[in-house]
Amino acid sequence: MKQGLTWRIAVALCVLVAGVLFLLPTFVLPPKKPGEKDSKPTGLARILPDARVSLGLDLKGGIHLTMEVEADKAVESSLVQTGQSLNSEAVGKGMLMTRPSLMPGEKLEFVLASPGKVDAFNEMLGKQFSELQVLSAQTMAEGRVRYTLAFSPSFRSRLVEMTVDQAVSTIRNRIDQFGVTEPDVRKQQGTNRISIQLPGMSDPERAVAIIGQTAHLEFHIMLDDIDPSKISVPPRGVLILPMQYKDRFNNEITEMIAVNEEVVLTGDRISNAMPAFDNDGSAYVALNFDRMGAEIFGRVTGQNVGKRLAIVLDGKVHSAPNIKQQITGGAASITGNFTPAQANDLAVVLRAGSLPAPVKVLEQRTVGPSLGQESIDMGIRAALIGGAAVVLFMVVYYGISGMIANLMLVLDVGFILAGLAAFGGTLTMPGIAGIVLTIGMAVDANVLIFERIREELNRGLTTLAAVEAGFSRAMLAIVDSNLTTIIAALILYQFGTGPVRGFAVTLIIGIVASMFTAVFLSRIIFDIWMSKPSRKLSI
């Protein structure tokens, strides 16, 4: 038994040391500030792991948003792009067709004007554009065929799901760059909605502006020879867009300008975007393109010297600088009378990428830090009262063995907090409820063991044999009860939202910790105590 006790003590010490290391940063190191994670650690921070117990929205205060992705618009945009690809492919194979038009109900309509190539066109549709299904093919005069196409239901479902997933990823990237610590961004199962929790943030308007901005950046060549005020319907290949600027008297002016419909470069090629300042102190956004973007930008500026390049963000022209010479190196800038905060926010959304579809706010709640502190105080009070009642009962009813069980309870709470820090979990009010519930379940395991030991003592076994039998025979009941609870907690975590998941996480960690302390650590203490025959067991 001595050899077995030695390795069990070694394992217990390793787990205890790991728990202390993951728990210390929360209580010893100062809280992280936005942007601090990239700074060089000093003092104890160089030794301790980079892990802290983070407080959730209900404890720290902050902003809760529920946003819906307008996935229908992403489907329509994808349908238009597919129609353009279909047109290019057909023309390349000698098939004449009109430009596909987007119709209400997510339909694409066009006319195939090559009577002898209908079969070849249908074959091309089936092989190269399997995501499209033919809703109707109406034969017209001279053998022409009017097609009405749409995405197949299965492809549309996948496209919507990918759109929402991409929106979640983009929003998360924006929030990370914005500097909010421990944000919670997740998709609501079975819907196009996204739940966003921003602990510690107090400006909902700015949060919505950053998160909800589509940030679709395009570069167009401006058409100075077309006066938008003199035409009612733009000719084909021309877009009329608004451009806002300030005159010399600082008045806001909105002017309509004409640009070439062809997009010469998009924001997808941006590798970096940073706020910057002119010599006069005005703010702008400095852009850098990736290798391919730099090549395209250099070619476009070289071919259009003397013309103006319109920089269009979400359908509005922010600036239209004159191209004086070819610009190589992949650098550009966006001006537009920005304040420093506006320039910084625009740089954030451009670095994080554009949203695949617009999003709208369905729900917005702000939780004040005072309310969060009140929740913390009430939760701690409840945990202390419940824990004190359990501790008192165990000491009165089981004596010294009850004191061992109480020590295991303290270790359980420590292991839960260390586990939250190690796995990057967030402590919420339901999580505190999970800790309180775990305290009761941990005591339950000790009660099973102690009562079993009592039964064995009443049967006439020696103290050492009773302890051995009590632990081994109570094991099955402990594992059964805790395993079923873990299964239920895993289901809560899988299908629940933020607060429910917080409860499930603390419950799972607490159950695992309670099994380790009740079955493993307390057994070590009992074995050490009973190693001398002269000692008596108080139970």
Protein backbone atom coordinates (compact mmCIF):
# COMPACT_ATOMS: atom_id res chain seq x y z
CA MET A 1 0.00 0.00 0.00
CA LYS A 2 2.96 2.29 0.70
CA GLN A 3 4.04 2.24 -2.96
CA GLY A 4 0.51 2.94 -4.20
CA LEU A 5 0.19 5.78 -1.71
CA THR A 6 3.41 7.36 -2.96
CA TRP A 7 2.34 7.69 -6.58
CA ARG A 8 -1.13 8.91 -5.54
CA ILE A 9 0.44 11.65 -3.44
CA ALA A 10 2.66 12.62 -6.40
CA VAL A 11 -0.36 12.88 -8.72
CA ALA A 12 -2.32 14.88 -6.14
CA LEU A 13 0.56 17.34 -5.68
CA CYS A 14 0.89 17.84 -9.44
CA VAL A 15 -2.84 18.60 -9.78
CA LEU A 16 -2.78 20.95 -6.78
CA VAL A 17 0.25 22.85 -8.12
CA ALA A 18 -1.39 23.19 -11.56
CA GLY A 19 -4.60 24.45 -9.94
CA VAL A 20 -2.72 27.05 -7.91
CA LEU A 21 -0.78 28.24 -10.97
CA PHE A 22 -3.96 28.76 -13.00
CA LEU A 23 -5.76 30.38 -10.07
CA LEU A 24 -3.06 32.84 -8.99
CA PRO A 25 -3.24 35.23 -11.99
CA THR A 26 -6.87 36.06 -11.16
CA PHE A 27 -6.02 37.15 -7.62
CA VAL A 28 -2.40 38.29 -7.88
CA LEU A 29 -2.02 39.99 -11.27
CA PRO A 30 -3.83 43.25 -12.15
CA PRO A 31 -6.75 42.98 -14.61
CA LYS A 32 -5.89 43.10 -18.29
CA LYS A 33 -6.63 46.21 -20.25
CA PRO A 34 -7.54 46.27 -23.96
CA GLY A 35 -4.40 45.70 -26.03
CA GLU A 36 -2.33 44.55 -23.03
CA LYS A 37 -2.11 40.93 -24.15
CA ASP A 38 0.57 41.77 -26.69
CA SER A 39 2.73 43.68 -24.20
CA LYS A 40 5.80 42.12 -22.63
CA PRO A 41 4.97 40.49 -19.28
CA THR A 42 6.84 41.61 -16.18
CA GLY A 43 7.25 40.28 -12.64
CA LEU A 44 5.06 37.31 -11.77
CA ALA A 45 3.34 37.56 -15.16
CA ARG A 46 6.50 36.07 -16.73
CA ILE A 47 6.09 32.90 -14.65
CA LEU A 48 2.35 32.44 -14.25
CA PRO A 49 0.14 31.27 -17.13
CA ASP A 50 -1.76 33.87 -19.14
CA ALA A 51 -5.13 32.85 -17.68
CA ARG A 52 -7.72 34.64 -15.58
CA VAL A 53 -11.29 33.99 -14.50
CA SER A 54 -13.34 36.35 -16.65
CA LEU A 55 -16.61 37.83 -15.46
CA GLY A 56 -19.68 37.59 -17.66
CA LEU A 57 -22.01 40.37 -18.71
CA ASP A 58 -24.36 39.88 -15.76
CA LEU A 59 -21.49 40.32 -13.29
CA LYS A 60 -19.27 42.90 -14.97
CA GLY A 61 -21.88 44.97 -16.78
CA GLY A 62 -21.80 45.78 -20.49
CA ILE A 63 -23.90 45.43 -23.61
CA HIS A 64 -26.05 42.59 -24.92
CA LEU A 65 -27.12 42.65 -28.58
CA THR A 66 -29.24 40.32 -30.65
CA MET A 67 -28.69 40.88 -34.36
CA GLU A 68 -30.23 39.25 -37.41
CA VAL A 69 -28.29 38.61 -40.61
CA GLU A 70 -30.29 39.57 -43.68
CA ALA A 71 -29.21 36.42 -45.46
CA ASP A 72 -31.73 36.94 -48.29
CA LYS A 73 -29.61 39.81 -49.59
CA ALA A 74 -26.52 37.61 -49.57
CA VAL A 75 -28.46 34.99 -51.57
CA GLU A 76 -29.51 37.62 -54.10
CA SER A 77 -25.95 38.95 -54.39
CA SER A 78 -24.60 35.43 -54.90
CA LEU A 79 -27.32 34.75 -57.48
CA VAL A 80 -26.32 37.86 -59.45
CA GLN A 81 -22.65 36.85 -59.40
CA THR A 82 -23.55 33.34 -60.53
CA GLY A 83 -25.58 34.85 -63.36
CA GLN A 84 -22.58 36.91 -64.45
CA SER A 85 -20.39 33.79 -64.42
CA LEU A 86 -23.02 31.92 -66.42
CA ASN A 87 -23.15 34.73 -68.98
CA SER A 88 -19.35 34.81 -69.34
CA GLU A 89 -19.16 31.04 -69.73
CA ALA A 90 -21.95 30.96 -72.32
CA VAL A 91 -20.47 33.78 -74.39
CA GLY A 92 -17.08 32.08 -74.27
CA LYS A 93 -18.66 28.98 -75.83
CA GLY A 94 -20.37 30.94 -78.59
CA MET A 95 -23.85 31.07 -77.05
CA LEU A 96 -25.72 34.35 -77.29
CA MET A 97 -27.80 35.31 -74.26
CA THR A 98 -29.10 38.46 -72.65
CA ARG A 99 -27.62 39.69 -69.39
CA PRO A 100 -29.31 37.78 -66.54
CA SER A 101 -31.71 39.94 -64.50
CA LEU A 102 -32.60 39.44 -60.85
CA MET A 103 -36.33 39.03 -60.43
CA PRO A 104 -38.47 39.10 -57.25
CA GLY A 105 -38.43 35.85 -55.31
CA GLU A 106 -34.70 35.19 -55.80
CA LYS A 107 -35.06 34.28 -59.45
CA LEU A 108 -32.71 34.84 -62.38
CA GLU A 109 -34.19 35.51 -65.81
CA PHE A 110 -32.55 35.76 -69.25
CA VAL A 111 -33.09 34.80 -72.88
CA LEU A 112 -30.91 32.31 -74.75
CA ALA A 113 -30.75 33.62 -78.33
CA SER A 114 -28.90 30.63 -79.87
CA PRO A 115 -31.66 28.19 -81.02
CA GLY A 116 -29.30 25.43 -82.04
CA LYS A 117 -27.39 25.37 -78.77
CA VAL A 118 -30.17 24.76 -76.27
CA ASP A 119 -29.00 21.20 -75.54
CA ALA A 120 -25.39 22.33 -75.14
CA PHE A 121 -26.54 25.13 -72.81
CA ASN A 122 -28.57 22.71 -70.69
CA GLU A 123 -25.59 20.37 -70.49
CA MET A 124 -23.38 23.26 -69.34
CA LEU A 125 -25.95 24.17 -66.70
CA GLY A 126 -25.99 20.64 -65.32
CA LYS A 127 -22.21 20.19 -65.22
CA GLN A 128 -20.84 23.62 -64.31
CA PHE A 129 -23.76 25.27 -62.50
CA SER A 130 -25.32 22.40 -60.57
CA GLU A 131 -26.33 24.79 -57.78
CA LEU A 132 -28.93 26.29 -60.16
CA GLN A 133 -32.24 24.67 -60.96
CA VAL A 134 -34.44 25.51 -63.97
CA LEU A 135 -37.83 26.80 -62.86
CA SER A 136 -39.08 27.32 -66.39
CA ALA A 137 -37.78 27.28 -69.99
CA GLN A 138 -40.27 29.02 -72.27
CA THR A 139 -39.76 28.71 -76.04
CA MET A 140 -40.22 32.04 -77.86
CA ALA A 141 -40.17 33.21 -81.44
CA GLU A 142 -37.26 32.19 -83.69
CA GLY A 143 -36.33 29.36 -81.33
CA ARG A 144 -35.19 31.59 -78.53
CA VAL A 145 -35.71 30.31 -74.96
CA ARG A 146 -36.56 32.38 -71.88
CA TYR A 147 -35.02 30.77 -68.78
CA THR A 148 -35.99 31.34 -65.17
CA LEU A 149 -33.45 29.91 -62.72
CA ALA A 150 -33.01 29.81 -58.96
CA PHE A 151 -30.71 28.20 -56.43
CA SER A 152 -31.68 24.69 -55.41
CA PRO A 153 -33.17 24.51 -51.88
CA SER A 154 -30.22 22.50 -50.52
CA PHE A 155 -27.65 24.92 -51.95
CA ARG A 156 -29.60 27.93 -50.67
CA SER A 157 -29.69 26.44 -47.17
CA ARG A 158 -25.94 25.87 -47.22
CA LEU A 159 -25.38 29.40 -48.53
CA VAL A 160 -27.49 30.93 -45.75
CA GLU A 161 -25.67 28.90 -43.12
CA MET A 162 -22.28 29.91 -44.53
CA THR A 163 -23.39 33.56 -44.60
CA VAL A 164 -24.37 33.54 -40.92
CA ASP A 165 -21.17 31.70 -39.96
CA GLN A 166 -19.08 34.23 -41.88
CA ALA A 167 -20.97 37.08 -40.22
CA VAL A 168 -20.22 35.58 -36.78
CA SER A 169 -16.53 35.29 -37.66
CA THR A 170 -16.35 38.84 -39.04
CA ILE A 171 -18.15 40.35 -36.04
CA ARG A 172 -15.88 38.45 -33.67
CA ASN A 173 -12.79 39.74 -35.51
CA ARG A 174 -14.07 43.31 -35.33
CA ILE A 175 -14.79 43.08 -31.61
CA ASP A 176 -11.35 41.54 -30.94
CA GLN A 177 -9.66 44.44 -32.73
CA PHE A 178 -11.96 46.92 -30.99
CA GLY A 179 -10.43 45.88 -27.67
CA VAL A 180 -13.35 44.34 -25.76
CA THR A 181 -12.11 41.69 -23.34
CA GLU A 182 -13.82 38.29 -23.28
CA PRO A 183 -16.65 38.98 -25.76
CA ASP A 184 -19.24 36.27 -26.39
CA VAL A 185 -20.40 36.02 -30.02
CA ARG A 186 -22.45 33.00 -31.01
CA LYS A 187 -25.07 31.95 -33.55
CA GLN A 188 -28.51 31.09 -32.24
CA GLN A 189 -29.29 27.55 -33.32
CA GLY A 190 -31.77 27.22 -36.18
CA THR A 191 -32.01 30.96 -36.90
CA ASN A 192 -30.15 33.75 -38.70
CA ARG A 193 -29.67 35.55 -35.41
CA ILE A 194 -26.45 36.27 -33.55
CA SER A 195 -26.16 36.88 -29.80
CA ILE A 196 -23.39 39.28 -28.77
CA GLN A 197 -22.25 40.03 -25.23
CA LEU A 198 -19.67 42.77 -24.65
CA PRO A 199 -18.65 42.82 -20.97
CA GLY A 200 -17.28 46.12 -19.71
CA MET A 201 -18.48 48.17 -22.70
CA SER A 202 -20.82 51.10 -22.10
CA ASP A 203 -21.34 52.79 -25.50
CA PRO A 204 -24.06 50.83 -27.37
CA GLU A 205 -24.26 53.28 -30.29
CA ARG A 206 -20.59 52.90 -31.10
CA ALA A 207 -20.79 49.12 -30.69
CA VAL A 208 -23.72 48.88 -33.12
CA ALA A 209 -21.95 51.18 -35.60
CA ILE A 210 -18.83 49.02 -35.63
CA ILE A 211 -20.54 45.64 -35.57
CA GLY A 212 -23.34 46.44 -38.02
CA GLN A 213 -21.40 48.32 -40.68
CA THR A 214 -21.25 46.21 -43.81
CA ALA A 215 -17.90 47.81 -44.78
CA HIS A 216 -18.02 46.78 -48.43
CA LEU A 217 -15.17 48.73 -50.01
CA GLU A 218 -14.88 49.22 -53.77
CA PHE A 219 -12.74 51.31 -56.10
CA HIS A 220 -14.29 52.77 -59.27
CA ILE A 221 -13.00 55.08 -61.97
CA MET A 222 -14.92 58.36 -61.84
CA LEU A 223 -16.55 59.61 -65.06
CA ASP A 224 -15.97 63.38 -65.11
CA ASP A 225 -17.58 63.77 -68.54
CA ILE A 226 -21.04 62.76 -67.24
CA ASP A 227 -23.11 65.28 -65.26
CA PRO A 228 -25.60 63.35 -63.07
CA SER A 229 -27.88 66.40 -62.81
CA LYS A 230 -28.52 66.34 -66.57
CA ILE A 231 -29.57 62.69 -66.89
CA SER A 232 -32.65 61.00 -65.50
CA VAL A 233 -31.66 57.39 -66.26
CA PRO A 234 -27.96 56.44 -66.06
CA PRO A 235 -26.66 54.80 -69.24
CA ARG A 236 -25.56 51.21 -69.12
CA GLY A 237 -22.30 50.70 -67.22
CA VAL A 238 -22.70 53.91 -65.19
CA LEU A 239 -23.47 54.26 -61.48
CA ILE A 240 -24.67 57.47 -59.81
CA LEU A 241 -23.45 57.61 -56.20
CA PRO A 242 -23.53 60.26 -53.45
CA MET A 243 -20.34 61.86 -52.21
CA GLN A 244 -20.24 63.93 -49.02
CA TYR A 245 -17.61 66.57 -48.26
CA LYS A 246 -17.24 69.90 -46.52
CA ASP A 247 -16.77 73.22 -48.31
CA ARG A 248 -14.42 75.98 -47.20
CA PHE A 249 -17.07 77.29 -44.79
CA ASN A 250 -17.23 73.82 -43.14
CA ASN A 251 -20.72 73.14 -44.49
CA GLU A 252 -21.71 69.55 -45.23
CA ILE A 253 -22.23 69.13 -48.98
CA THR A 254 -23.71 66.09 -50.73
CA GLU A 255 -22.92 65.79 -54.41
CA MET A 256 -23.96 63.09 -56.86
CA ILE A 257 -21.15 61.80 -59.07
CA ALA A 258 -20.97 59.31 -61.93
CA VAL A 259 -18.59 56.34 -61.77
CA ASN A 260 -17.87 53.40 -64.01
CA GLU A 261 -19.94 50.41 -62.90
CA GLU A 262 -16.92 48.12 -63.20
CA VAL A 263 -15.22 47.50 -59.86
CA VAL A 264 -11.48 47.77 -60.40
CA LEU A 265 -10.53 46.66 -56.86
CA THR A 266 -12.34 45.59 -53.67
CA GLY A 267 -11.58 45.69 -49.97
CA ASP A 268 -10.91 41.94 -49.98
CA ARG A 269 -7.36 42.78 -51.04
CA ILE A 270 -6.64 44.95 -47.99
CA SER A 271 -3.85 43.58 -45.79
CA ASN A 272 -3.88 46.39 -43.23
CA ALA A 273 -5.76 49.57 -42.38
CA MET A 274 -4.64 52.14 -39.81
CA PRO A 275 -5.84 55.60 -38.72
CA ALA A 276 -3.41 58.39 -39.60
CA PHE A 277 -3.21 62.19 -39.57
CA ASP A 278 -2.33 64.84 -42.16
CA ASN A 279 -0.02 67.74 -41.41
CA ASP A 280 -3.06 69.89 -40.60
CA GLY A 281 -4.25 67.34 -38.02
CA SER A 282 -7.14 65.92 -40.06
CA ALA A 283 -7.69 62.19 -39.70
CA TYR A 284 -7.74 59.66 -42.53
CA VAL A 285 -7.39 55.89 -42.99
CA ALA A 286 -4.16 54.53 -44.49
CA LEU A 287 -4.54 51.31 -46.49
CA ASN A 288 -2.10 48.63 -47.55
CA PHE A 289 -2.97 45.96 -50.11
CA ASP A 290 -1.70 42.41 -50.35
CA ARG A 291 0.59 41.36 -53.20
CA MET A 292 -2.20 40.77 -55.71
CA GLY A 293 -4.01 43.93 -54.61
CA ALA A 294 -0.84 46.00 -55.00
CA GLU A 295 -0.36 44.69 -58.55
CA ILE A 296 -3.98 45.48 -59.48
CA PHE A 297 -3.81 48.93 -57.86
CA GLY A 298 -0.57 49.75 -59.67
CA ARG A 299 -2.01 48.62 -63.02
CA VAL A 300 -5.27 50.55 -62.54
CA THR A 301 -3.57 53.78 -61.51
CA GLY A 302 -1.06 53.43 -64.35
CA GLN A 303 -3.84 53.03 -66.94
CA ASN A 304 -5.93 55.92 -65.59
CA VAL A 305 -3.45 58.75 -64.96
CA GLY A 306 -5.30 62.07 -64.96
CA LYS A 307 -8.61 60.51 -63.93
CA ARG A 308 -10.19 60.38 -60.47
CA LEU A 309 -10.44 57.19 -58.42
CA ALA A 310 -13.69 56.97 -56.43
CA ILE A 311 -13.34 55.14 -53.11
CA VAL A 312 -16.80 53.74 -52.34
CA LEU A 313 -17.73 52.36 -48.93
CA ASP A 314 -21.20 50.84 -48.51
CA GLY A 315 -22.54 52.64 -51.57
CA LYS A 316 -21.20 56.11 -50.63
CA VAL A 317 -18.17 57.84 -52.10
CA HIS A 318 -15.83 58.87 -49.29
CA SER A 319 -13.22 60.47 -51.49
CA ALA A 320 -12.27 60.72 -55.15
CA PRO A 321 -8.59 61.70 -55.42
CA ASN A 322 -7.00 62.56 -58.75
CA ILE A 323 -4.54 59.96 -60.09
CA LYS A 324 -1.43 62.03 -60.82
CA GLN A 325 0.87 59.10 -61.53
CA GLN A 326 1.06 55.33 -61.24
CA ILE A 327 0.99 54.27 -57.59
CA THR A 328 3.14 51.27 -56.78
CA GLY A 329 3.86 49.73 -53.41
CA GLY A 330 0.24 48.93 -52.61
CA ALA A 331 -0.56 51.95 -50.40
CA ALA A 332 -3.67 54.16 -50.55
CA SER A 333 -5.74 56.33 -48.22
CA ILE A 334 -9.38 57.16 -47.51
CA THR A 335 -10.14 60.76 -46.59
CA GLY A 336 -13.53 62.15 -45.72
CA ASN A 337 -13.45 64.64 -42.83
CA PHE A 338 -13.16 61.88 -40.24
CA THR A 339 -12.81 62.47 -36.52
CA PRO A 340 -9.99 60.42 -34.93
CA ALA A 341 -12.56 58.00 -33.45
CA GLN A 342 -14.32 57.59 -36.81
CA ALA A 343 -11.02 56.94 -38.58
CA ASN A 344 -10.06 54.33 -35.96
CA ASP A 345 -13.44 52.58 -36.17
CA LEU A 346 -13.34 52.49 -39.98
CA ALA A 347 -9.84 51.03 -39.87
CA VAL A 348 -11.10 48.33 -37.47
CA VAL A 349 -13.93 47.18 -39.72
CA LEU A 350 -11.74 47.26 -42.84
CA ARG A 351 -9.07 45.11 -41.17
CA ALA A 352 -11.69 42.65 -39.98
CA GLY A 353 -13.29 42.35 -43.42
CA SER A 354 -16.71 43.17 -44.79
CA LEU A 355 -19.88 41.49 -43.66
CA PRO A 356 -21.34 39.05 -46.22
CA ALA A 357 -24.80 40.58 -45.67
CA PRO A 358 -26.32 43.49 -43.74
CA VAL A 359 -27.30 42.93 -40.11
CA LYS A 360 -30.01 44.64 -38.09
CA VAL A 361 -30.38 45.04 -34.35
CA LEU A 362 -33.37 43.16 -32.88
CA GLU A 363 -32.58 43.63 -29.20
CA GLN A 364 -30.24 45.88 -27.26
CA ARG A 365 -29.68 45.83 -23.50
CA THR A 366 -27.18 47.63 -21.32
CA VAL A 367 -26.22 46.20 -17.93
CA GLY A 368 -24.65 48.72 -15.57
CA PRO A 369 -21.55 47.78 -13.53
CA SER A 370 -23.42 48.60 -10.30
CA LEU A 371 -26.06 45.98 -11.13
CA GLY A 372 -23.28 43.54 -11.96
CA GLN A 373 -21.55 44.23 -8.63
CA GLU A 374 -24.86 43.69 -6.83
CA SER A 375 -25.20 40.31 -8.58
CA ILE A 376 -21.68 39.38 -7.51
CA ASP A 377 -22.37 40.35 -3.89
CA MET A 378 -25.66 38.44 -3.78
CA GLY A 379 -24.15 35.39 -5.46
CA ILE A 380 -21.18 35.32 -3.08
CA ARG A 381 -23.53 35.78 -0.12
CA ALA A 382 -25.68 32.87 -1.27
CA ALA A 383 -22.63 30.68 -1.80
CA LEU A 384 -21.22 31.56 1.63
CA ILE A 385 -24.50 30.92 3.44
CA GLY A 386 -25.07 27.61 1.65
CA GLY A 387 -21.46 26.57 2.12
CA ALA A 388 -21.48 27.50 5.83
CA ALA A 389 -24.61 25.41 6.41
CA VAL A 390 -23.04 22.41 4.70
CA VAL A 391 -19.73 22.83 6.56
CA LEU A 392 -21.49 23.04 9.92
CA PHE A 393 -23.60 19.96 9.23
CA MET A 394 -20.62 17.87 8.15
CA VAL A 395 -18.57 18.77 11.25
CA VAL A 396 -21.44 18.10 13.65
CA TYR A 397 -22.52 14.83 12.04
CA TYR A 398 -19.20 13.29 10.95
CA GLY A 399 -16.58 14.87 13.24
CA ILE A 400 -13.03 14.84 11.90
CA SER A 401 -14.14 13.05 8.73
CA GLY A 402 -16.57 15.92 8.16
CA MET A 403 -13.67 18.37 8.47
CA ILE A 404 -11.81 16.42 5.76
CA ALA A 405 -14.93 16.66 3.57
CA ASN A 406 -15.05 20.43 4.19
CA LEU A 407 -11.42 20.75 3.09
CA MET A 408 -12.37 18.92 -0.09
CA LEU A 409 -15.17 21.48 -0.65
CA VAL A 410 -12.69 24.35 -0.49
CA LEU A 411 -10.47 22.55 -2.98
CA ASP A 412 -13.50 21.93 -5.23
CA VAL A 413 -14.26 25.66 -5.48
CA GLY A 414 -10.59 26.38 -6.17
CA PHE A 415 -10.46 23.73 -8.90
CA ILE A 416 -13.62 25.16 -10.52
CA LEU A 417 -12.13 28.66 -10.71
CA ALA A 418 -8.79 27.28 -11.92
CA GLY A 419 -10.61 25.24 -14.57
CA LEU A 420 -12.55 28.31 -15.77
CA ALA A 421 -9.25 30.19 -16.10
CA ALA A 422 -7.46 27.31 -17.84
CA PHE A 423 -10.21 26.70 -20.42
CA GLY A 424 -10.99 30.37 -21.00
CA GLY A 425 -14.45 30.10 -19.45
CA THR A 426 -16.48 33.02 -18.18
CA LEU A 427 -18.02 33.19 -14.71
CA THR A 428 -21.66 34.27 -14.84
CA MET A 429 -24.47 34.44 -12.31
CA PRO A 430 -25.80 31.03 -13.43
CA GLY A 431 -22.20 29.84 -13.13
CA ILE A 432 -22.20 30.84 -9.47
CA ALA A 433 -25.42 28.82 -9.11
CA GLY A 434 -23.55 25.90 -10.66
CA ILE A 435 -20.81 26.27 -8.04
CA VAL A 436 -23.37 26.23 -5.22
CA LEU A 437 -24.99 23.13 -6.71
CA THR A 438 -21.58 21.48 -7.03
CA ILE A 439 -20.92 22.05 -3.32
CA GLY A 440 -24.02 20.01 -2.52
CA MET A 441 -23.06 17.28 -4.98
CA ALA A 442 -19.51 17.12 -3.62
CA VAL A 443 -20.86 16.62 -0.11
CA ASP A 444 -23.18 13.94 -1.44
CA ALA A 445 -20.18 11.90 -2.62
CA ASN A 446 -18.55 12.20 0.80
CA VAL A 447 -21.81 11.24 2.54
CA LEU A 448 -22.06 8.07 0.42
CA ILE A 449 -18.50 7.10 1.35
CA PHE A 450 -18.88 7.89 5.05
CA GLU A 451 -22.17 6.04 5.40
CA ARG A 452 -20.71 3.04 3.64
CA ILE A 453 -17.74 3.07 6.04
CA ARG A 454 -20.17 3.19 8.97
CA GLU A 455 -22.03 0.16 7.61
CA GLU A 456 -18.79 -1.78 7.29
CA LEU A 457 -17.79 -0.86 10.84
CA ASN A 458 -21.17 -2.05 12.13
CA ARG A 459 -20.59 -5.36 10.36
CA GLY A 460 -17.52 -5.84 12.56
CA LEU A 461 -14.72 -5.01 10.05
CA THR A 462 -11.54 -3.38 11.28
CA THR A 463 -11.17 0.35 10.75
CA LEU A 464 -8.64 -0.07 7.93
CA ALA A 465 -10.78 -2.70 6.18
CA ALA A 466 -13.92 -0.56 6.63
CA VAL A 467 -12.24 2.42 4.97
CA GLU A 468 -11.06 0.21 2.09
CA ALA A 469 -14.51 -1.31 1.60
CA GLY A 470 -16.34 1.99 2.06
CA PHE A 471 -14.41 3.75 -0.72
CA SER A 472 -14.51 0.82 -3.16
CA ARG A 473 -18.22 -0.02 -2.70
CA ALA A 474 -19.39 3.62 -2.81
CA MET A 475 -17.45 4.23 -6.04
CA LEU A 476 -20.09 2.76 -8.36
CA ALA A 477 -22.92 4.87 -6.95
CA ILE A 478 -20.78 8.04 -7.09
CA VAL A 479 -19.73 7.45 -10.69
CA ASP A 480 -23.30 6.62 -11.79
CA SER A 481 -24.86 9.72 -10.25
CA ASN A 482 -22.13 12.11 -11.43
CA LEU A 483 -21.94 10.62 -14.93
CA THR A 484 -25.66 11.13 -15.54
CA THR A 485 -25.37 14.72 -14.34
CA ILE A 486 -22.42 15.34 -16.67
CA ILE A 487 -24.41 13.99 -19.61
CA ALA A 488 -27.26 16.40 -18.82
CA ALA A 489 -24.77 19.28 -18.44
CA LEU A 490 -23.16 18.47 -21.81
CA ILE A 491 -26.60 18.65 -23.47
CA LEU A 492 -27.20 22.02 -21.79
CA TYR A 493 -23.84 23.25 -23.08
CA GLN A 494 -24.44 22.01 -26.62
CA PHE A 495 -27.90 23.47 -27.10
CA GLY A 496 -27.98 26.30 -24.56
CA THR A 497 -27.06 29.97 -24.99
CA GLY A 498 -24.65 32.12 -22.95
CA PRO A 499 -26.06 31.98 -19.36
CA VAL A 500 -27.14 28.34 -19.69
CA ARG A 501 -23.69 27.42 -21.01
CA GLY A 502 -22.09 29.24 -18.08
CA PHE A 503 -24.09 27.08 -15.69
CA ALA A 504 -23.20 23.91 -17.62
CA VAL A 505 -19.46 24.70 -17.71
CA THR A 506 -19.14 25.29 -13.97
CA LEU A 507 -21.28 22.23 -13.26
CA ILE A 508 -19.13 19.95 -15.44
CA ILE A 509 -15.85 21.25 -14.02
CA GLY A 510 -17.27 21.06 -10.49
CA ILE A 511 -18.44 17.46 -10.85
CA VAL A 512 -15.08 16.32 -12.20
CA ALA A 513 -13.32 18.21 -9.38
CA SER A 514 -15.64 16.76 -6.71
CA MET A 515 -15.03 13.21 -7.93
CA PHE A 516 -11.28 13.83 -7.83
CA THR A 517 -11.34 15.29 -4.31
CA ALA A 518 -13.92 12.93 -2.78
CA VAL A 519 -12.59 9.69 -4.23
CA PHE A 520 -8.89 10.41 -4.74
CA LEU A 521 -7.68 13.16 -2.39
CA SER A 522 -9.80 12.25 0.63
CA ARG A 523 -8.72 8.60 0.24
CA ILE A 524 -5.09 9.72 0.47
CA ILE A 525 -5.82 11.63 3.67
CA PHE A 526 -7.64 8.65 5.18
CA ASP A 527 -4.78 6.29 4.23
CA ILE A 528 -2.18 8.61 5.77
CA TRP A 529 -4.26 9.02 8.93
CA MET A 530 -4.86 5.29 9.29
CA SER A 531 -1.25 4.32 8.54
CA LYS A 532 -0.66 4.14 12.33
CA PRO A 533 -2.79 1.50 14.08
CA SER A 534 -3.02 3.64 17.24
CA ARG A 535 -5.11 6.30 15.53
CA LYS A 536 -8.89 6.17 15.71
CA LEU A 537 -11.37 7.05 12.97
CA SER A 538 -13.87 9.81 13.79
CA ILE A 539 -16.84 9.33 11.49
